[in-house]
N, C-alpha and C. Protein backbone atom coordinates (compact mmCIF):
# COMPACT_ATOMS: atom_id res chain seq x y z
N MET A 1 -16.40 -2.21 11.50
CA MET A 1 -15.58 -0.89 11.30
C MET A 1 -13.94 -1.08 10.29
N TYR A 2 -14.65 -0.44 9.03
CA TYR A 2 -13.66 -0.85 7.98
C TYR A 2 -12.61 0.18 7.80
N ASN A 3 -11.12 0.05 7.93
CA ASN A 3 -10.03 0.87 7.99
C ASN A 3 -9.47 1.53 6.65
N HIS A 4 -9.37 2.50 6.47
CA HIS A 4 -8.43 2.55 4.70
C HIS A 4 -7.11 3.84 5.07
N PHE A 5 -6.12 3.19 5.41
CA PHE A 5 -5.03 4.01 5.31
C PHE A 5 -4.25 4.25 3.90
N ILE A 6 -4.45 5.87 3.58
CA ILE A 6 -3.93 6.05 2.38
C ILE A 6 -2.29 6.59 2.53
N PHE A 7 -1.29 6.24 1.78
CA PHE A 7 -0.16 6.85 2.33
C PHE A 7 0.44 7.63 0.83
N ASP A 8 0.65 9.10 1.22
CA ASP A 8 1.01 9.86 -0.08
C ASP A 8 2.50 9.95 0.03
N ILE A 9 3.23 9.41 -0.70
CA ILE A 9 4.93 9.13 -0.85
C ILE A 9 5.50 10.43 -2.04
N LYS A 10 6.54 11.03 -1.76
CA LYS A 10 7.33 11.43 -2.62
C LYS A 10 8.60 10.57 -2.60
N THR A 11 8.70 10.06 -3.73
CA THR A 11 9.87 9.44 -3.62
C THR A 11 10.69 9.36 -5.43
N LYS A 12 11.83 9.04 -5.31
CA LYS A 12 12.68 9.04 -6.69
C LYS A 12 12.63 7.59 -7.00
N ASN A 13 13.43 7.14 -8.25
CA ASN A 13 14.08 5.98 -8.49
C ASN A 13 13.29 4.93 -8.08
N LEU A 14 11.92 4.91 -7.86
CA LEU A 14 11.08 3.50 -7.25
C LEU A 14 11.64 2.41 -8.14
N ASP A 15 11.40 1.14 -7.29
CA ASP A 15 11.05 -0.15 -7.79
C ASP A 15 9.94 -0.46 -7.70
N LEU A 16 9.13 -1.23 -8.71
CA LEU A 16 8.02 -2.16 -8.26
C LEU A 16 8.50 -3.30 -7.32
N ASP A 17 9.56 -3.70 -7.37
CA ASP A 17 10.07 -4.85 -6.37
C ASP A 17 10.03 -4.48 -4.75
N ASP A 18 10.35 -3.01 -4.62
CA ASP A 18 10.00 -2.55 -2.92
C ASP A 18 8.85 -2.28 -2.73
N VAL A 19 7.88 -1.98 -3.63
CA VAL A 19 6.23 -1.73 -3.01
C VAL A 19 5.84 -3.38 -3.01
N GLU A 20 6.25 -4.34 -3.46
CA GLU A 20 5.81 -5.34 -3.66
C GLU A 20 6.63 -6.39 -1.97
N ASN A 21 7.73 -5.70 -1.71
CA ASN A 21 8.40 -6.30 -0.73
C ASN A 21 7.47 -5.68 0.53
N VAL A 22 7.03 -4.32 0.33
CA VAL A 22 6.38 -3.60 1.51
C VAL A 22 4.80 -4.42 1.46
N PHE A 23 4.47 -4.91 0.48
CA PHE A 23 2.96 -5.72 0.46
C PHE A 23 2.92 -6.61 1.37
N TRP A 24 4.15 -7.92 0.98
CA TRP A 24 4.21 -9.03 1.70
C TRP A 24 4.42 -8.73 2.81
N GLN A 25 5.34 -7.57 3.56
CA GLN A 25 5.71 -7.48 5.20
C GLN A 25 3.97 -7.56 5.52
N ILE A 26 3.13 -6.19 4.81
CA ILE A 26 1.91 -6.11 5.53
C ILE A 26 0.68 -6.99 5.51
N VAL A 27 0.97 -8.10 4.42
CA VAL A 27 0.14 -9.41 4.46
C VAL A 27 0.84 -10.44 5.32
N ASN A 28 2.08 -10.63 5.48
CA ASN A 28 2.28 -11.03 6.81
C ASN A 28 2.09 -10.72 8.12
N LEU A 29 2.05 -9.65 8.33
CA LEU A 29 1.85 -8.89 9.77
C LEU A 29 0.27 -9.15 9.93
N LEU A 30 -0.36 -8.59 9.14
CA LEU A 30 -2.20 -8.59 9.37
C LEU A 30 -2.84 -10.42 8.94
N ASN A 31 -1.83 -10.93 8.60
CA ASN A 31 -2.48 -12.11 8.35
C ASN A 31 -3.47 -12.18 7.37
N LEU A 32 -3.38 -11.63 6.21
CA LEU A 32 -3.96 -11.62 4.94
C LEU A 32 -3.68 -12.56 4.35
N THR A 33 -4.83 -12.89 3.26
CA THR A 33 -5.20 -13.85 2.44
C THR A 33 -5.23 -13.10 0.58
N VAL A 34 -4.07 -13.42 0.05
CA VAL A 34 -4.06 -12.88 -1.19
C VAL A 34 -4.60 -13.75 -2.18
N LEU A 35 -5.52 -12.96 -2.75
CA LEU A 35 -6.40 -13.83 -3.79
C LEU A 35 -5.74 -13.87 -5.33
N LYS A 36 -5.22 -12.58 -5.48
CA LYS A 36 -4.94 -12.24 -6.80
C LYS A 36 -4.25 -10.97 -7.10
N LYS A 37 -2.96 -10.95 -7.50
CA LYS A 37 -1.82 -9.76 -7.82
C LYS A 37 -1.75 -9.49 -9.29
N GLU A 38 -1.74 -8.20 -9.26
CA GLU A 38 -2.24 -7.34 -10.82
C GLU A 38 -0.71 -6.31 -11.15
N LYS A 39 -0.43 -6.02 -12.00
CA LYS A 39 0.15 -4.94 -12.03
C LYS A 39 0.52 -4.67 -13.65
N TYR A 40 0.82 -3.02 -13.78
CA TYR A 40 0.70 -2.59 -15.27
C TYR A 40 1.98 -1.72 -14.91
N ILE A 41 3.07 -1.74 -15.85
CA ILE A 41 3.93 -1.23 -15.87
C ILE A 41 3.73 0.15 -17.38
N PHE A 42 4.16 1.18 -17.23
CA PHE A 42 4.16 2.04 -18.03
C PHE A 42 5.32 1.84 -18.93
N GLU A 43 5.44 2.34 -19.97
CA GLU A 43 6.66 2.93 -20.82
C GLU A 43 7.58 3.68 -20.35
N ASN A 44 7.22 4.95 -19.45
CA ASN A 44 7.91 5.39 -18.82
C ASN A 44 8.39 5.66 -17.26
N GLY A 45 7.99 3.99 -16.96
CA GLY A 45 8.47 3.50 -15.51
C GLY A 45 7.55 3.42 -14.37
N GLY A 46 6.44 4.36 -14.63
CA GLY A 46 5.23 4.32 -13.74
C GLY A 46 4.42 3.32 -13.70
N PHE A 47 3.97 3.06 -12.67
CA PHE A 47 3.47 1.76 -12.32
C PHE A 47 1.89 1.95 -11.57
N THR A 48 1.02 0.76 -11.89
CA THR A 48 -0.14 0.42 -11.24
C THR A 48 -0.30 -0.73 -10.57
N ALA A 49 -0.27 -0.86 -9.32
CA ALA A 49 -0.17 -2.63 -8.43
C ALA A 49 -1.25 -3.01 -7.79
N PHE A 50 -1.95 -3.79 -7.95
CA PHE A 50 -3.06 -4.23 -6.96
C PHE A 50 -3.06 -5.33 -6.78
N TRP A 51 -3.45 -5.77 -5.33
CA TRP A 51 -3.53 -6.90 -4.97
C TRP A 51 -4.86 -7.26 -3.96
N LEU A 52 -5.60 -8.25 -4.53
CA LEU A 52 -7.02 -8.33 -4.33
C LEU A 52 -7.20 -9.29 -2.94
N LEU A 53 -7.25 -8.96 -1.57
CA LEU A 53 -7.44 -9.92 -0.66
C LEU A 53 -8.55 -10.22 -0.42
N ALA A 54 -8.95 -11.26 0.28
CA ALA A 54 -10.09 -12.10 1.09
C ALA A 54 -10.67 -11.07 1.79
N GLU A 55 -9.62 -10.10 2.44
CA GLU A 55 -10.13 -9.03 3.47
C GLU A 55 -10.09 -7.59 2.84
N SER A 56 -9.66 -7.54 1.60
CA SER A 56 -10.07 -6.32 0.92
C SER A 56 -8.79 -6.34 -0.36
N HIS A 57 -7.88 -5.05 -0.24
CA HIS A 57 -7.01 -5.09 -1.39
C HIS A 57 -5.81 -4.01 -0.88
N LEU A 58 -4.97 -4.24 -1.41
CA LEU A 58 -3.78 -3.52 -1.51
C LEU A 58 -3.69 -2.47 -2.80
N SER A 59 -3.19 -1.44 -2.93
CA SER A 59 -2.63 -1.04 -4.02
C SER A 59 -1.87 0.22 -4.12
N ALA A 60 -1.11 0.48 -4.83
CA ALA A 60 0.24 1.10 -5.20
C ALA A 60 -0.21 1.99 -6.98
N HIS A 61 0.02 3.20 -6.93
CA HIS A 61 0.03 3.63 -7.85
C HIS A 61 1.24 4.71 -8.22
N TYR A 62 2.21 4.78 -9.17
CA TYR A 62 3.34 5.34 -8.82
C TYR A 62 3.08 6.64 -10.48
N ARG A 63 3.30 7.83 -10.03
CA ARG A 63 3.58 8.65 -11.23
C ARG A 63 5.08 9.26 -11.57
N ILE A 64 5.46 8.55 -12.27
CA ILE A 64 7.15 8.64 -12.10
C ILE A 64 7.63 10.68 -12.46
N GLU A 65 6.58 11.14 -13.46
CA GLU A 65 6.75 12.48 -13.62
C GLU A 65 6.73 13.46 -12.58
N ASP A 66 5.83 13.10 -11.36
CA ASP A 66 5.67 13.91 -10.18
C ASP A 66 6.36 13.11 -8.99
N ASN A 67 7.15 12.23 -9.05
CA ASN A 67 7.96 11.47 -8.23
C ASN A 67 7.09 10.99 -6.90
N TYR A 68 5.58 10.76 -7.25
CA TYR A 68 4.21 10.61 -6.80
C TYR A 68 4.33 9.12 -6.26
N LEU A 69 3.78 8.29 -4.91
CA LEU A 69 3.77 7.18 -5.00
C LEU A 69 2.16 7.26 -4.10
N ALA A 70 1.24 6.48 -4.32
CA ALA A 70 0.07 6.58 -3.60
C ALA A 70 -0.06 4.83 -3.17
N VAL A 71 -0.08 4.71 -2.07
CA VAL A 71 -0.45 3.36 -1.47
C VAL A 71 -1.23 3.57 -0.72
N ASP A 72 -2.45 2.39 -0.88
CA ASP A 72 -4.07 2.35 -0.48
C ASP A 72 -3.75 0.87 0.19
N ILE A 73 -4.11 0.91 1.47
CA ILE A 73 -4.61 0.00 2.44
C ILE A 73 -5.85 -0.32 2.68
N TYR A 74 -6.41 -1.07 2.03
CA TYR A 74 -8.22 -1.28 3.09
C TYR A 74 -8.44 -2.32 3.41
N SER A 75 -8.87 -2.59 4.68
CA SER A 75 -9.21 -4.00 5.13
C SER A 75 -10.40 -3.82 6.42
N CYS A 76 -10.85 -5.21 5.97
CA CYS A 76 -11.87 -5.31 7.51
C CYS A 76 -11.25 -5.29 9.04
N LYS A 77 -10.14 -5.95 8.46
CA LYS A 77 -9.07 -6.17 10.00
C LYS A 77 -9.02 -4.91 10.46
N ASN A 78 -8.76 -4.54 12.00
CA ASN A 78 -8.96 -3.59 12.53
C ASN A 78 -7.36 -3.21 12.27
N LEU A 79 -6.79 -2.38 11.30
CA LEU A 79 -5.64 -1.50 11.11
C LEU A 79 -5.15 -0.76 11.78
N GLU A 80 -6.00 -0.20 12.73
CA GLU A 80 -5.40 0.72 14.11
C GLU A 80 -4.78 0.27 15.01
N GLU A 81 -4.93 -1.37 14.95
CA GLU A 81 -3.85 -2.01 15.87
C GLU A 81 -2.82 -2.39 15.79
N PHE A 82 -2.53 -2.30 14.23
CA PHE A 82 -1.31 -2.72 13.71
C PHE A 82 -0.68 -1.20 13.32
N GLU A 83 -1.38 -0.28 13.33
CA GLU A 83 -0.83 1.16 12.66
C GLU A 83 0.60 1.50 12.73
N ASN A 84 1.17 1.33 14.21
CA ASN A 84 2.90 1.49 14.15
C ASN A 84 3.69 0.61 13.65
N LYS A 85 3.28 -0.31 13.45
CA LYS A 85 3.93 -1.79 12.45
C LYS A 85 3.69 -1.32 11.13
N ILE A 86 2.62 -1.01 10.76
CA ILE A 86 2.61 -0.33 9.20
C ILE A 86 3.32 0.81 9.03
N ILE A 87 3.30 1.73 9.71
CA ILE A 87 4.05 2.90 9.35
C ILE A 87 5.64 2.51 9.40
N GLU A 88 6.15 1.40 10.47
CA GLU A 88 7.27 1.25 10.74
C GLU A 88 8.08 0.57 9.30
N ILE A 89 6.88 -0.48 8.32
CA ILE A 89 7.45 -0.90 7.37
C ILE A 89 7.52 0.34 6.16
N ILE A 90 6.41 1.00 5.93
CA ILE A 90 6.47 2.14 5.17
C ILE A 90 7.57 2.97 5.30
N TRP A 91 7.55 3.25 6.58
CA TRP A 91 8.81 4.50 7.00
C TRP A 91 10.35 3.55 6.29
N GLN A 92 10.46 2.40 6.08
CA GLN A 92 11.74 1.96 5.95
C GLN A 92 12.07 2.13 4.89
N LEU A 93 11.42 2.91 3.48
CA LEU A 93 11.80 2.85 2.39
C LEU A 93 11.61 4.49 1.91
N TRP A 94 10.07 5.22 2.69
CA TRP A 94 9.75 6.15 2.26
C TRP A 94 9.24 7.14 3.42
N LYS A 95 9.57 8.21 2.85
CA LYS A 95 8.89 9.18 3.63
C LYS A 95 7.56 9.72 3.43
N TYR A 96 6.34 9.95 4.45
CA TYR A 96 5.00 9.76 3.88
C TYR A 96 4.31 10.58 4.43
N LYS A 97 2.85 11.20 3.81
CA LYS A 97 1.60 11.59 4.72
C LYS A 97 0.83 10.46 4.72
N LEU A 98 -0.08 10.32 5.84
CA LEU A 98 -0.79 9.01 6.09
C LEU A 98 -2.13 9.77 6.13
N ASN A 99 -3.25 9.43 5.70
CA ASN A 99 -4.59 9.75 5.69
C ASN A 99 -5.30 8.44 5.97
N LYS A 100 -6.23 8.77 7.30
CA LYS A 100 -6.75 7.58 7.65
C LYS A 100 -8.47 7.57 7.36
N LEU A 101 -8.83 7.10 6.80
CA LEU A 101 -10.55 6.83 6.72
C LEU A 101 -11.16 5.69 7.56
N LYS A 102 -12.06 6.19 8.29
CA LYS A 102 -13.20 5.19 9.00
C LYS A 102 -14.21 4.85 8.51
N ARG A 103 -14.58 3.37 8.01
CA ARG A 103 -15.72 3.62 7.08
C ARG A 103 -16.69 2.78 7.66
N ASN A 104 -17.87 3.05 7.85
CA ASN A 104 -18.84 2.08 8.78
C ASN A 104 -20.11 2.67 7.96
N PHE A 105 -21.10 1.46 8.25
CA PHE A 105 -22.60 1.70 7.82
C PHE A 105 -23.21 1.79 8.62
């Protein structure tokens, strides 16, 4: 079973460093392996960040004009086992709506 958590977040004055800090906390919590990190910052301050993991990926997309951040956590590890801890990490900075997808073959 593959788990896919998508957080829809309304926020203002977002800093990419905050997102990277959240990603590191999730990586450490789940004992994930970071293979590559990429980011792109738009002229208006919005950004896209993507971390390729051995176990899948983490991504964030911030639309500054809408004050909207989407955080995507996808892994072959059992995210549900760590759901409360992941929510605590996200909740430190943002109010959110969580969408969970269970994927299998």
